[in-house]
Amino acid sequence: MITFHVDRADSVPAYAQLIRQVREALRMGLLHPGDQLPTVRSVVTSCTVNPSTVLKAYRELELAGLVEARQGSGTFVSGTLGDADPHVMARLRSGLSRWLGQAREAGLEAEDVQALIASVITEDSLRQAQAGNGPPQTEPVARAAFGKEGDAA
């Protein structure tokens, strides 16, 4: 089961942080269809957020087809994101973690790391678009990959 955390210093609203964490867990293979999300009450207690915040996040995840609320039973994962091999994801995550350590040793701060990653993603998206592989991706991805402290999520 996923354990949520909410960063009060983050400019991203708490409900969006919860959504992001579920989406990241799905992409990383930590959540699978049939898995139960924590109850609203447990998230309210552990994250000290309003129940409506959790309900809003769960409702948006349900509208996206990623979870399903079952009356009296809870909220369960019903969809997936990405189809990357979990072993490949683990290997890449490990490499990224090593790279992050090198970046820290070089004196880079979280915002420096985020800027680097965002610039590489933007450049890659533009190259893909120029090669005819679809429109460029403009969504900031570095924020989803790194939390406030710059640690891999």
C-alpha atoms as a PDB file:
ATOM      1  CA  MET A   1       0.000   0.000   0.000  1.00  0.00           C
ATOM      2  CA  ILE A   2       1.202   3.501  -0.785  1.00  0.00           C
ATOM      3  CA  THR A   3       2.090   5.904   2.019  1.00  0.00           C
ATOM      4  CA  PHE A   4       1.244   9.497   1.190  1.00  0.00           C
ATOM      5  CA  HIS A   5       3.136  12.589   2.258  1.00  0.00           C
ATOM      6  CA  VAL A   6       2.219  16.227   1.756  1.00  0.00           C
ATOM      7  CA  ASP A   7       4.852  18.944   1.589  1.00  0.00           C
ATOM      8  CA  ARG A   8       3.322  22.116   2.995  1.00  0.00           C
ATOM      9  CA  ALA A   9       6.167  24.225   1.552  1.00  0.00           C
ATOM     10  CA  ASP A  10       5.399  22.971  -1.965  1.00  0.00           C
ATOM     11  CA  SER A  11       3.439  25.357  -4.182  1.00  0.00           C
ATOM     12  CA  VAL A  12       1.518  22.359  -5.583  1.00  0.00           C
ATOM     13  CA  PRO A  13      -1.851  21.925  -3.809  1.00  0.00           C
ATOM     14  CA  ALA A  14      -2.096  18.967  -1.414  1.00  0.00           C
ATOM     15  CA  TYR A  15      -4.695  17.123  -3.532  1.00  0.00           C
ATOM     16  CA  ALA A  16      -2.417  17.394  -6.596  1.00  0.00           C
ATOM     17  CA  GLN A  17       0.505  16.052  -4.564  1.00  0.00           C
ATOM     18  CA  LEU A  18      -1.601  12.996  -3.667  1.00  0.00           C
ATOM     19  CA  ILE A  19      -2.568  12.490  -7.319  1.00  0.00           C
ATOM     20  CA  ARG A  20       1.064  12.824  -8.396  1.00  0.00           C
ATOM     21  CA  GLN A  21       2.148  10.228  -5.842  1.00  0.00           C
ATOM     22  CA  VAL A  22      -0.424   7.697  -7.070  1.00  0.00           C
ATOM     23  CA  ARG A  23       0.549   8.312 -10.704  1.00  0.00           C
ATOM     24  CA  GLU A  24       4.249   7.944  -9.862  1.00  0.00           C
ATOM     25  CA  ALA A  25       3.589   4.717  -7.926  1.00  0.00           C
ATOM     26  CA  LEU A  26       1.663   3.347 -10.916  1.00  0.00           C
ATOM     27  CA  ARG A  27       4.486   4.248 -13.305  1.00  0.00           C
ATOM     28  CA  MET A  28       7.115   2.737 -11.014  1.00  0.00           C
ATOM     29  CA  GLY A  29       5.143  -0.479 -10.630  1.00  0.00           C
ATOM     30  CA  LEU A  30       4.553   0.064  -6.915  1.00  0.00           C
ATOM     31  CA  LEU A  31       0.774   0.039  -7.365  1.00  0.00           C
ATOM     32  CA  HIS A  32      -1.153  -2.454  -9.485  1.00  0.00           C
ATOM     33  CA  PRO A  33      -4.816  -2.952 -10.419  1.00  0.00           C
ATOM     34  CA  GLY A  34      -6.608  -4.381  -7.402  1.00  0.00           C
ATOM     35  CA  ASP A  35      -4.381  -2.662  -4.822  1.00  0.00           C
ATOM     36  CA  GLN A  36      -6.254  -0.633  -2.236  1.00  0.00           C
ATOM     37  CA  LEU A  37      -5.415   2.996  -1.571  1.00  0.00           C
ATOM     38  CA  PRO A  38      -5.304   4.178   2.051  1.00  0.00           C
ATOM     39  CA  THR A  39      -8.641   5.167   3.509  1.00  0.00           C
ATOM     40  CA  VAL A  40      -9.549   8.828   3.487  1.00  0.00           C
ATOM     41  CA  ARG A  41      -9.424   8.791   7.283  1.00  0.00           C
ATOM     42  CA  SER A  42      -5.882   7.368   7.368  1.00  0.00           C
ATOM     43  CA  VAL A  43      -4.625   9.937   4.828  1.00  0.00           C
ATOM     44  CA  VAL A  44      -6.273  12.744   6.798  1.00  0.00           C
ATOM     45  CA  THR A  45      -4.526  11.532   9.948  1.00  0.00           C
ATOM     46  CA  SER A  46      -1.090  10.837   8.449  1.00  0.00           C
ATOM     47  CA  CYS A  47      -0.896  13.950   6.278  1.00  0.00           C
ATOM     48  CA  THR A  48      -2.969  16.327   8.405  1.00  0.00           C
ATOM     49  CA  VAL A  49      -5.147  17.396   5.502  1.00  0.00           C
ATOM     50  CA  ASN A  50      -8.852  18.043   5.200  1.00  0.00           C
ATOM     51  CA  PRO A  51     -11.000  15.043   4.164  1.00  0.00           C
ATOM     52  CA  SER A  52     -12.252  17.048   1.167  1.00  0.00           C
ATOM     53  CA  THR A  53      -8.633  17.278  -0.052  1.00  0.00           C
ATOM     54  CA  VAL A  54      -8.295  13.493  -0.120  1.00  0.00           C
ATOM     55  CA  LEU A  55     -11.761  13.049  -1.614  1.00  0.00           C
ATOM     56  CA  LYS A  56     -10.910  15.524  -4.383  1.00  0.00           C
ATOM     57  CA  ALA A  57      -7.696  13.645  -5.211  1.00  0.00           C
ATOM     58  CA  TYR A  58      -9.458  10.264  -5.230  1.00  0.00           C
ATOM     59  CA  ARG A  59     -12.322  11.677  -7.320  1.00  0.00           C
ATOM     60  CA  GLU A  60      -9.893  13.048  -9.937  1.00  0.00           C
ATOM     61  CA  LEU A  61      -8.033   9.725 -10.027  1.00  0.00           C
ATOM     62  CA  GLU A  62     -11.385   7.994 -10.533  1.00  0.00           C
ATOM     63  CA  LEU A  63     -12.345  10.362 -13.358  1.00  0.00           C
ATOM     64  CA  ALA A  64      -8.983   9.570 -14.976  1.00  0.00           C
ATOM     65  CA  GLY A  65      -9.884   5.868 -14.848  1.00  0.00           C
ATOM     66  CA  LEU A  66      -7.044   5.003 -12.473  1.00  0.00           C
ATOM     67  CA  VAL A  67      -9.014   4.095  -9.354  1.00  0.00           C
ATOM     68  CA  GLU A  68     -12.448   2.834  -8.474  1.00  0.00           C
ATOM     69  CA  ALA A  69     -14.387   3.667  -5.309  1.00  0.00           C
ATOM     70  CA  ARG A  70     -16.290   0.694  -3.895  1.00  0.00           C
ATOM     71  CA  GLN A  71     -19.028   1.639  -1.466  1.00  0.00           C
ATOM     72  CA  GLY A  72     -18.111   0.401   1.998  1.00  0.00           C
ATOM     73  CA  SER A  73     -14.870  -1.243   0.829  1.00  0.00           C
ATOM     74  CA  GLY A  74     -12.548   1.605  -0.105  1.00  0.00           C
ATOM     75  CA  THR A  75     -10.748   2.890  -3.165  1.00  0.00           C
ATOM     76  CA  PHE A  76      -8.920   0.443  -5.409  1.00  0.00           C
ATOM     77  CA  VAL A  77      -6.509   0.823  -8.294  1.00  0.00           C
ATOM     78  CA  SER A  78      -8.300  -0.038 -11.528  1.00  0.00           C
ATOM     79  CA  GLY A  79      -5.973   1.328 -14.216  1.00  0.00           C
ATOM     80  CA  THR A  80      -2.336   1.461 -15.145  1.00  0.00           C
ATOM     81  CA  LEU A  81       0.134   3.994 -16.484  1.00  0.00           C
ATOM     82  CA  GLY A  82       2.993   3.115 -18.744  1.00  0.00           C
ATOM     83  CA  ASP A  83       4.113  -0.349 -19.624  1.00  0.00           C
ATOM     84  CA  ALA A  84       7.823  -0.177 -18.877  1.00  0.00           C
ATOM     85  CA  ASP A  85       9.525  -3.289 -17.561  1.00  0.00           C
ATOM     86  CA  PRO A  86       9.829  -2.946 -13.754  1.00  0.00           C
ATOM     87  CA  HIS A  87      13.418  -4.246 -13.893  1.00  0.00           C
ATOM     88  CA  VAL A  88      14.351  -1.604 -16.446  1.00  0.00           C
ATOM     89  CA  MET A  89      12.667   1.068 -14.308  1.00  0.00           C
ATOM     90  CA  ALA A  90      14.599  -0.116 -11.225  1.00  0.00           C
ATOM     91  CA  ARG A  91      17.890  -0.060 -13.126  1.00  0.00           C
ATOM     92  CA  LEU A  92      17.233   3.412 -14.516  1.00  0.00           C
ATOM     93  CA  ARG A  93      16.140   4.683 -11.106  1.00  0.00           C
ATOM     94  CA  SER A  94      19.358   3.359  -9.589  1.00  0.00           C
ATOM     95  CA  GLY A  95      21.408   5.124 -12.278  1.00  0.00           C
ATOM     96  CA  LEU A  96      19.484   8.325 -11.743  1.00  0.00           C
ATOM     97  CA  SER A  97      20.078   8.079  -8.010  1.00  0.00           C
ATOM     98  CA  ARG A  98      23.831   7.752  -8.622  1.00  0.00           C
ATOM     99  CA  TRP A  99      23.697  10.724 -10.986  1.00  0.00           C
ATOM    100  CA  LEU A 100      21.841  12.745  -8.353  1.00  0.00           C
ATOM    101  CA  GLY A 101      24.603  11.944  -5.868  1.00  0.00           C
ATOM    102  CA  GLN A 102      27.179  13.255  -8.354  1.00  0.00           C
ATOM    103  CA  ALA A 103      25.111  16.385  -8.891  1.00  0.00           C
ATOM    104  CA  ARG A 104      24.951  16.959  -5.126  1.00  0.00           C
ATOM    105  CA  GLU A 105      28.737  16.439  -4.843  1.00  0.00           C
ATOM    106  CA  ALA A 106      29.161  19.045  -7.591  1.00  0.00           C
ATOM    107  CA  GLY A 107      27.194  21.499  -5.449  1.00  0.00           C
ATOM    108  CA  LEU A 108      23.923  21.479  -7.369  1.00  0.00           C
ATOM    109  CA  GLU A 109      20.772  22.266  -5.446  1.00  0.00           C
ATOM    110  CA  ALA A 110      17.308  20.822  -6.061  1.00  0.00           C
ATOM    111  CA  GLU A 111      16.313  23.673  -8.391  1.00  0.00           C
ATOM    112  CA  ASP A 112      19.542  23.222 -10.413  1.00  0.00           C
ATOM    113  CA  VAL A 113      18.798  19.514 -10.824  1.00  0.00           C
ATOM    114  CA  GLN A 114      15.195  20.214 -11.791  1.00  0.00           C
ATOM    115  CA  ALA A 115      16.309  22.804 -14.355  1.00  0.00           C
ATOM    116  CA  LEU A 116      18.812  20.367 -15.873  1.00  0.00           C
ATOM    117  CA  ILE A 117      16.267  17.582 -16.165  1.00  0.00           C
ATOM    118  CA  ALA A 118      13.587  19.896 -17.546  1.00  0.00           C
ATOM    119  CA  SER A 119      15.999  21.220 -20.181  1.00  0.00           C
ATOM    120  CA  VAL A 120      17.005  17.707 -21.273  1.00  0.00           C
ATOM    121  CA  ILE A 121      13.367  16.618 -21.472  1.00  0.00           C
ATOM    122  CA  THR A 122      12.471  19.721 -23.493  1.00  0.00           C
ATOM    123  CA  GLU A 123      15.390  19.181 -25.885  1.00  0.00           C
ATOM    124  CA  ASP A 124      14.480  15.529 -26.314  1.00  0.00           C
ATOM    125  CA  SER A 125      10.810  16.356 -26.921  1.00  0.00           C
ATOM    126  CA  LEU A 126      11.772  18.916 -29.569  1.00  0.00           C
ATOM    127  CA  ARG A 127      14.064  16.378 -31.270  1.00  0.00           C
ATOM    128  CA  GLN A 128      11.260  13.802 -31.212  1.00  0.00           C
ATOM    129  CA  ALA A 129       8.815  16.302 -32.713  1.00  0.00           C
ATOM    130  CA  GLN A 130      11.294  17.296 -35.431  1.00  0.00           C
ATOM    131  CA  ALA A 131      11.830  13.620 -36.221  1.00  0.00           C
ATOM    132  CA  GLY A 132       8.085  13.247 -36.718  1.00  0.00           C
ATOM    133  CA  ASN A 133       7.472  11.285 -33.518  1.00  0.00           C
ATOM    134  CA  GLY A 134       4.700  13.454 -32.184  1.00  0.00           C
ATOM    135  CA  PRO A 135       4.217  16.917 -30.686  1.00  0.00           C
ATOM    136  CA  PRO A 136       6.705  18.254 -28.159  1.00  0.00           C
ATOM    137  CA  GLN A 137       5.887  17.585 -24.522  1.00  0.00           C
ATOM    138  CA  THR A 138       5.557  20.841 -22.616  1.00  0.00           C
ATOM    139  CA  GLU A 139       4.462  19.555 -19.211  1.00  0.00           C
ATOM    140  CA  PRO A 140       7.142  20.142 -16.556  1.00  0.00           C
ATOM    141  CA  VAL A 141       8.264  16.646 -15.675  1.00  0.00           C
ATOM    142  CA  ALA A 142      11.163  17.442 -13.352  1.00  0.00           C
ATOM    143  CA  ARG A 143       8.744  18.407 -10.584  1.00  0.00           C
ATOM    144  CA  ALA A 144       7.137  14.981 -10.750  1.00  0.00           C
ATOM    145  CA  ALA A 145      10.501  13.241 -10.691  1.00  0.00           C
ATOM    146  CA  PHE A 146      11.929  15.170  -7.762  1.00  0.00           C
ATOM    147  CA  GLY A 147      10.397  16.376  -4.540  1.00  0.00           C
ATOM    148  CA  LYS A 148      11.176  19.622  -2.774  1.00  0.00           C
ATOM    149  CA  GLU A 149      14.535  18.403  -1.547  1.00  0.00           C
ATOM    150  CA  GLY A 150      15.535  17.088  -4.978  1.00  0.00           C
ATOM    151  CA  ASP A 151      15.406  13.453  -3.944  1.00  0.00           C
ATOM    152  CA  ALA A 152      14.177  10.973  -6.494  1.00  0.00           C
ATOM    153  CA  ALA A 153      10.504  10.299  -5.779  1.00  0.00           C
END
